[in-house]
N, C-alpha and C. Protein backbone atom coordinates (compact mmCIF):
# COMPACT_ATOMS: atom_id res chain seq x y z
N MET A 1 -4.38 2.76 -12.53
CA MET A 1 -4.42 2.44 -11.06
C MET A 1 -3.55 3.25 -9.89
N LYS A 2 -4.30 3.82 -9.22
CA LYS A 2 -3.68 4.27 -8.25
C LYS A 2 -2.98 3.61 -7.12
N LYS A 3 -1.54 3.59 -6.76
CA LYS A 3 -1.54 3.41 -5.71
C LYS A 3 -0.78 4.08 -4.50
N ILE A 4 -1.16 3.67 -3.40
CA ILE A 4 -1.28 4.42 -2.01
C ILE A 4 -0.92 3.33 -0.86
N ASP A 5 -0.21 3.90 0.32
CA ASP A 5 0.06 2.99 1.29
C ASP A 5 -1.45 3.07 2.23
N VAL A 6 -1.56 2.20 3.11
CA VAL A 6 -2.51 2.21 4.05
C VAL A 6 -3.12 3.20 5.06
N THR A 7 -1.67 3.96 5.22
CA THR A 7 -2.09 4.75 6.19
C THR A 7 -2.80 6.37 5.44
N ASP A 8 -2.22 6.29 4.02
CA ASP A 8 -2.77 7.48 3.35
C ASP A 8 -4.26 7.11 2.96
N PHE A 9 -4.49 5.89 2.79
CA PHE A 9 -5.90 5.17 2.45
C PHE A 9 -6.98 5.72 3.85
N LYS A 10 -6.14 5.32 5.24
CA LYS A 10 -7.21 5.38 6.18
C LYS A 10 -7.51 6.73 6.70
N GLU A 11 -6.56 7.81 6.03
CA GLU A 11 -6.84 9.10 6.15
C GLU A 11 -7.67 9.93 5.16
N ASN A 12 -7.81 9.25 3.85
CA ASN A 12 -8.82 9.77 3.17
C ASN A 12 -9.71 8.96 2.64
N ILE A 13 -10.38 7.87 3.43
CA ILE A 13 -10.96 6.76 2.90
C ILE A 13 -12.10 7.22 2.13
N TYR A 14 -12.92 8.20 2.36
CA TYR A 14 -14.15 8.33 2.28
C TYR A 14 -13.98 9.35 0.82
N GLU A 15 -12.98 10.38 0.32
CA GLU A 15 -12.56 10.99 -0.66
C GLU A 15 -12.12 9.73 -2.02
N LEU A 16 -11.47 8.79 -1.40
CA LEU A 16 -11.14 7.98 -2.32
C LEU A 16 -11.79 6.78 -2.61
N LEU A 17 -12.93 6.29 -1.93
CA LEU A 17 -13.85 5.32 -2.49
C LEU A 17 -14.86 6.39 -3.14
N GLU A 18 -15.14 7.55 -2.99
CA GLU A 18 -15.88 8.41 -3.92
C GLU A 18 -15.18 8.43 -5.31
N GLN A 19 -13.66 8.58 -5.32
CA GLN A 19 -13.30 8.56 -6.65
C GLN A 19 -13.27 7.21 -7.32
N VAL A 20 -13.28 6.19 -6.62
CA VAL A 20 -13.30 4.49 -6.93
C VAL A 20 -14.36 4.43 -7.56
N ILE A 21 -16.05 4.93 -6.90
CA ILE A 21 -16.90 4.68 -7.53
C ILE A 21 -17.30 5.98 -8.81
N LYS A 22 -16.91 7.15 -8.86
CA LYS A 22 -16.98 8.19 -9.90
C LYS A 22 -16.33 8.07 -11.07
N TYR A 23 -14.97 7.82 -10.94
CA TYR A 23 -13.94 7.54 -12.33
C TYR A 23 -13.86 6.15 -12.69
N ASP A 24 -14.49 4.95 -11.80
CA ASP A 24 -14.25 3.64 -12.26
C ASP A 24 -12.34 3.52 -12.15
N GLU A 25 -11.96 3.90 -10.89
CA GLU A 25 -10.66 3.85 -11.06
C GLU A 25 -10.40 2.92 -9.36
N CYS A 26 -9.31 1.89 -10.27
CA CYS A 26 -8.77 0.95 -8.93
C CYS A 26 -8.22 1.74 -8.06
N ILE A 27 -7.82 1.56 -6.92
CA ILE A 27 -6.87 1.44 -5.87
C ILE A 27 -6.18 0.19 -5.34
N ASN A 28 -4.77 0.45 -5.62
CA ASN A 28 -3.96 -0.57 -4.78
C ASN A 28 -3.21 -0.19 -3.67
N ILE A 29 -3.77 -0.62 -2.55
CA ILE A 29 -3.55 -0.36 -1.05
C ILE A 29 -2.08 -1.17 -0.61
N SER A 30 -1.06 -0.45 -0.43
CA SER A 30 0.13 -1.31 -0.19
C SER A 30 -0.08 -1.49 1.68
N THR A 31 0.20 -2.72 2.37
CA THR A 31 0.57 -2.73 3.75
C THR A 31 1.69 -3.72 3.94
N ASN A 32 1.92 -3.98 4.90
CA ASN A 32 3.32 -4.29 5.54
C ASN A 32 3.28 -6.11 5.23
N LYS A 33 1.77 -6.57 5.03
CA LYS A 33 1.35 -7.86 4.85
C LYS A 33 1.12 -8.36 3.48
N GLY A 34 1.04 -7.12 2.69
CA GLY A 34 0.76 -7.63 1.21
C GLY A 34 -0.24 -6.40 0.90
N ASN A 35 -0.69 -6.25 -0.33
CA ASN A 35 -1.00 -5.60 -1.00
C ASN A 35 -3.18 -5.62 -1.21
N VAL A 36 -3.80 -4.99 -1.38
CA VAL A 36 -5.42 -4.98 -1.57
C VAL A 36 -5.64 -4.18 -2.30
N ILE A 37 -6.59 -4.57 -3.24
CA ILE A 37 -6.97 -3.86 -4.64
C ILE A 37 -8.58 -3.38 -4.16
N VAL A 38 -8.72 -1.95 -4.37
CA VAL A 38 -10.14 -1.44 -4.08
C VAL A 38 -10.78 -1.22 -5.33
N LEU A 39 -11.88 -1.85 -6.06
CA LEU A 39 -12.51 -1.71 -7.16
C LEU A 39 -14.13 -1.47 -7.15
N SER A 40 -14.91 -0.76 -7.99
CA SER A 40 -16.25 -0.27 -7.46
C SER A 40 -16.92 -1.64 -7.91
N GLU A 41 -18.22 -1.41 -7.38
CA GLU A 41 -19.16 -2.79 -7.83
C GLU A 41 -19.30 -2.94 -9.30
N LYS A 42 -19.33 -1.79 -9.89
CA LYS A 42 -19.42 -1.96 -11.50
C LYS A 42 -18.12 -2.70 -12.03
N ASN A 43 -17.19 -2.57 -11.93
CA ASN A 43 -15.91 -3.03 -12.32
C ASN A 43 -15.91 -4.33 -11.68
N TYR A 44 -16.18 -4.88 -10.44
CA TYR A 44 -16.20 -6.20 -10.00
C TYR A 44 -17.20 -6.95 -10.75
N ASN A 45 -18.26 -6.41 -11.05
CA ASN A 45 -19.64 -7.09 -11.92
C ASN A 45 -19.04 -7.34 -12.98
N GLU A 46 -18.34 -6.52 -13.98
CA GLU A 46 -17.68 -6.64 -15.26
C GLU A 46 -16.80 -7.62 -15.12
N LEU A 47 -16.04 -7.74 -14.25
CA LEU A 47 -15.05 -8.71 -14.14
C LEU A 47 -15.76 -10.27 -13.89
N ILE A 48 -16.32 -10.30 -13.10
CA ILE A 48 -17.24 -11.41 -12.89
C ILE A 48 -18.11 -11.92 -14.29
N LYS A 49 -18.50 -10.78 -14.75
CA LYS A 49 -19.20 -11.40 -15.92
C LYS A 49 -18.53 -11.73 -17.27
N SER A 50 -17.18 -11.25 -17.33
CA SER A 50 -16.08 -11.54 -18.48
C SER A 50 -15.91 -13.07 -17.94
N ASN A 51 -15.28 -13.37 -16.82
CA ASN A 51 -15.15 -14.63 -16.40
C ASN A 51 -15.77 -15.81 -16.61
N ASN A 52 -17.19 -15.54 -16.54
CA ASN A 52 -18.21 -16.36 -16.79
C ASN A 52 -18.85 -16.57 -17.97
N SER A 53 -17.86 -15.96 -19.10
CA SER A 53 -18.41 -15.84 -20.41
C SER A 53 -17.91 -16.94 -21.14
């Protein structure tokens, strides 16, 4: 999982989102108030499916 701060994410949002989709790579974005995880729709659906099994 790639870890970056929110400033880097804002500066490179398009490229980072493309990487998430293309390589199924999650991104951990750190902010002053906490962290956010960005994941592809494919990874999200797999996570939901595994939790419902």
